Amino acid sequence: MRKVVIPNLKNKEQFKRMMMFMFALVIVIVLGVAFNSVWQNYFNYSPELRTDTLWRRGNVLLMLIYMVIYVVFSRLVNAYKVGSLKISGLVLSQVLAILMSNFVIYFMISLIRRGFLSLLPMIGLTMFDIATAIIWCIVSKKVYAHIYPPKHSRKGSYTENEYESGQVYYLFIYQYKRSA
């Protein structure tokens, strides 16, 4: 496999930020489109309202509100930390963000429709969102690891003298400060 070569540190950090933004943008758009399809097919069932041009803008606005709610909750639970979390941590963060955002948007839809609606479409949306998030976590983690391979540590290769003198502790602190 071919490695991506980025010349200097400033460009490397900019590229990493852009890549993380693109990862986040992909999942936000996919989940937003999935919500919009559920909204259009199951909750927005007034034929008069579907043809009104102002109402179409309202549909787009509701999709954008869902996307903003999802982004806020996913930032709250660190669901975009592809480089620092394991896949299981990413999946858990994504699932929490999806559950919270779908819970909030269900009550918003219920307020819009003036009554509690069937939970089945939201449960189906949640299952689809979770499956999408799992796929996104695996793919984004593999792409990130391919572009930025993990650094090998010296763990397990220290001598007794290094342990006794405390050099191991200072090596870990140095590696932590260096990576931050």
Protein backbone atom coordinates (compact mmCIF):
# COMPACT_ATOMS: atom_id res chain seq x y z
CA MET A 1 0.00 0.00 0.00
CA ARG A 2 1.12 3.50 -0.74
CA LYS A 3 1.57 5.97 2.09
CA VAL A 4 0.44 9.57 1.95
CA VAL A 5 3.44 11.88 2.25
CA ILE A 6 2.85 15.32 3.75
CA PRO A 7 5.94 17.55 3.65
CA ASN A 8 5.94 19.62 6.85
CA LEU A 9 4.22 19.62 10.23
CA LYS A 10 1.91 22.55 9.51
CA ASN A 11 0.54 20.89 6.37
CA LYS A 12 0.29 17.58 8.23
CA GLU A 13 -1.87 19.11 10.96
CA GLN A 14 -4.03 20.94 8.41
CA PHE A 15 -4.47 17.74 6.44
CA LYS A 16 -5.38 15.83 9.61
CA ARG A 17 -7.99 18.45 10.58
CA MET A 18 -9.44 18.47 7.08
CA MET A 19 -9.59 14.68 7.06
CA MET A 20 -11.35 14.61 10.45
CA PHE A 21 -13.81 17.23 9.21
CA MET A 22 -14.54 15.16 6.10
CA PHE A 23 -15.07 12.03 8.22
CA ALA A 24 -17.55 13.92 10.40
CA LEU A 25 -19.27 15.51 7.43
CA VAL A 26 -19.88 12.13 5.79
CA ILE A 27 -21.71 10.64 8.77
CA VAL A 28 -23.67 13.82 9.48
CA ILE A 29 -24.93 14.00 5.90
CA VAL A 30 -25.79 10.28 5.75
CA LEU A 31 -27.72 10.42 9.03
CA GLY A 32 -29.43 13.67 7.99
CA VAL A 33 -30.60 12.17 4.70
CA ALA A 34 -31.83 9.05 6.51
CA PHE A 35 -33.80 11.20 8.94
CA ASN A 36 -35.25 13.23 6.08
CA SER A 37 -36.47 10.08 4.34
CA VAL A 38 -38.15 8.87 7.55
CA TRP A 39 -39.70 12.31 8.06
CA GLN A 40 -40.98 12.46 4.48
CA ASN A 41 -42.33 8.90 4.35
CA TYR A 42 -43.74 8.34 7.83
CA PHE A 43 -44.37 11.58 9.69
CA ASN A 44 -45.14 14.14 6.99
CA TYR A 45 -48.24 12.56 5.53
CA SER A 46 -50.34 15.61 4.61
CA PRO A 47 -50.51 15.79 0.78
CA GLU A 48 -51.37 19.51 0.85
CA LEU A 49 -48.30 20.29 2.91
CA ARG A 50 -45.95 18.28 0.68
CA THR A 51 -46.64 20.44 -2.37
CA ASP A 52 -46.33 23.82 -0.65
CA THR A 53 -42.95 25.41 -1.48
CA LEU A 54 -42.64 26.94 1.98
CA TRP A 55 -43.23 23.55 3.58
CA ARG A 56 -40.39 22.02 1.54
CA ARG A 57 -38.10 24.60 3.07
CA GLY A 58 -39.47 23.55 6.44
CA ASN A 59 -38.53 19.95 5.67
CA VAL A 60 -35.00 21.01 4.84
CA LEU A 61 -34.90 23.13 8.00
CA LEU A 62 -36.05 20.18 10.11
CA MET A 63 -33.33 18.01 8.56
CA LEU A 64 -30.73 20.70 9.34
CA ILE A 65 -32.03 20.94 12.91
CA TYR A 66 -31.63 17.17 13.25
CA MET A 67 -28.09 17.40 11.89
CA VAL A 68 -27.20 20.21 14.33
CA ILE A 69 -28.66 18.28 17.27
CA TYR A 70 -26.66 15.22 16.24
CA VAL A 71 -23.44 17.23 15.87
CA VAL A 72 -23.94 18.84 19.30
CA PHE A 73 -24.51 15.50 21.01
CA SER A 74 -21.67 13.79 19.15
CA ARG A 75 -19.27 16.58 20.09
CA LEU A 76 -20.52 16.27 23.67
CA VAL A 77 -19.58 12.58 23.83
CA ASN A 78 -16.40 12.88 21.68
CA ALA A 79 -17.79 10.78 18.85
CA TYR A 80 -15.35 12.19 16.28
CA LYS A 81 -12.09 11.26 18.04
CA VAL A 82 -11.03 8.77 15.38
CA GLY A 83 -7.32 9.12 16.09
CA SER A 84 -7.44 8.69 19.85
CA LEU A 85 -10.33 6.29 20.59
CA LYS A 86 -10.56 2.58 19.89
CA ILE A 87 -13.28 1.37 17.56
CA SER A 88 -15.38 0.23 20.51
CA GLY A 89 -15.14 3.68 22.10
CA LEU A 90 -16.06 5.35 18.82
CA VAL A 91 -19.06 3.07 18.36
CA LEU A 92 -20.26 3.67 21.91
CA SER A 93 -19.93 7.43 21.50
CA GLN A 94 -21.76 7.34 18.19
CA VAL A 95 -24.55 5.19 19.62
CA LEU A 96 -25.02 7.55 22.56
CA ALA A 97 -25.14 10.57 20.25
CA ILE A 98 -27.64 8.84 17.96
CA LEU A 99 -29.90 7.77 20.82
CA MET A 100 -29.92 11.23 22.37
CA SER A 101 -30.51 13.07 19.10
CA ASN A 102 -33.27 10.67 17.98
CA PHE A 103 -34.95 11.01 21.39
CA VAL A 104 -34.95 14.81 21.16
CA ILE A 105 -36.09 14.91 17.54
CA TYR A 106 -38.92 12.44 18.25
CA PHE A 107 -40.35 14.84 20.81
CA MET A 108 -39.89 17.74 18.42
CA ILE A 109 -41.83 15.84 15.75
CA SER A 110 -44.51 14.98 18.29
CA LEU A 111 -44.85 18.66 19.13
CA ILE A 112 -45.08 19.55 15.45
CA ARG A 113 -47.77 16.91 14.82
CA ARG A 114 -49.53 17.75 18.16
CA GLY A 115 -49.51 14.25 19.56
CA PHE A 116 -47.35 11.22 20.15
CA LEU A 117 -46.66 9.30 16.98
CA SER A 118 -45.70 5.71 16.32
CA LEU A 119 -42.25 4.81 17.58
CA LEU A 120 -41.62 2.18 14.90
CA PRO A 121 -40.21 4.57 12.26
CA MET A 122 -37.88 6.15 14.84
CA ILE A 123 -36.75 2.72 16.05
CA GLY A 124 -36.03 1.73 12.44
CA LEU A 125 -34.16 5.00 11.91
CA THR A 126 -32.16 4.42 15.09
CA MET A 127 -31.19 0.90 13.99
CA PHE A 128 -30.15 2.18 10.56
CA ASP A 129 -28.18 5.02 12.18
CA ILE A 130 -26.38 2.62 14.52
CA ALA A 131 -25.48 0.26 11.66
CA THR A 132 -24.23 3.23 9.63
CA ALA A 133 -22.22 4.49 12.60
CA ILE A 134 -20.57 1.10 13.10
CA ILE A 135 -19.55 0.97 9.44
CA TRP A 136 -18.36 4.59 9.62
CA CYS A 137 -16.26 3.89 12.73
CA ILE A 138 -14.54 0.87 11.18
CA VAL A 139 -13.85 2.55 7.84
CA SER A 140 -12.70 5.87 9.28
CA LYS A 141 -10.44 4.17 11.83
CA LYS A 142 -8.83 2.02 9.12
CA VAL A 143 -8.31 4.99 6.78
CA TYR A 144 -6.88 7.06 9.64
CA ALA A 145 -4.56 4.23 10.71
CA HIS A 146 -3.41 3.79 7.11
CA ILE A 147 -2.54 7.46 6.72
CA TYR A 148 -1.16 7.87 10.26
CA PRO A 149 0.19 4.50 11.40
CA PRO A 150 0.46 4.07 15.17
CA LYS A 151 3.81 4.79 16.75
CA HIS A 152 5.50 1.79 18.32
CA SER A 153 6.20 2.10 22.02
CA ARG A 154 9.01 0.56 24.00
CA LYS A 155 6.56 -1.03 26.43
CA GLY A 156 7.86 -4.36 27.65
CA SER A 157 11.43 -3.75 26.50
CA TYR A 158 12.72 -1.88 29.56
CA THR A 159 15.54 -3.18 31.72
CA GLU A 160 15.35 -3.55 35.50
CA ASN A 161 17.68 -0.57 35.95
CA GLU A 162 15.34 1.68 33.96
CA TYR A 163 12.39 0.62 36.12
CA GLU A 164 14.30 1.12 39.38
CA SER A 165 15.74 4.50 38.44
CA GLY A 166 12.36 5.90 37.36
CA GLN A 167 13.44 6.45 33.76
CA VAL A 168 10.41 4.56 32.49
CA TYR A 169 8.07 7.08 34.14
CA TYR A 170 9.92 9.98 32.54
CA LEU A 171 9.90 8.26 29.15
CA PHE A 172 6.12 7.91 29.33
CA ILE A 173 5.72 11.56 30.37
CA TYR A 174 8.03 12.63 27.55
CA GLN A 175 6.06 10.57 25.01
CA TYR A 176 2.77 12.01 26.33
CA LYS A 177 3.98 15.63 26.13
CA ARG A 178 5.49 14.99 22.73
CA SER A 179 2.26 13.58 21.32
CA ALA A 180 0.10 16.41 22.73
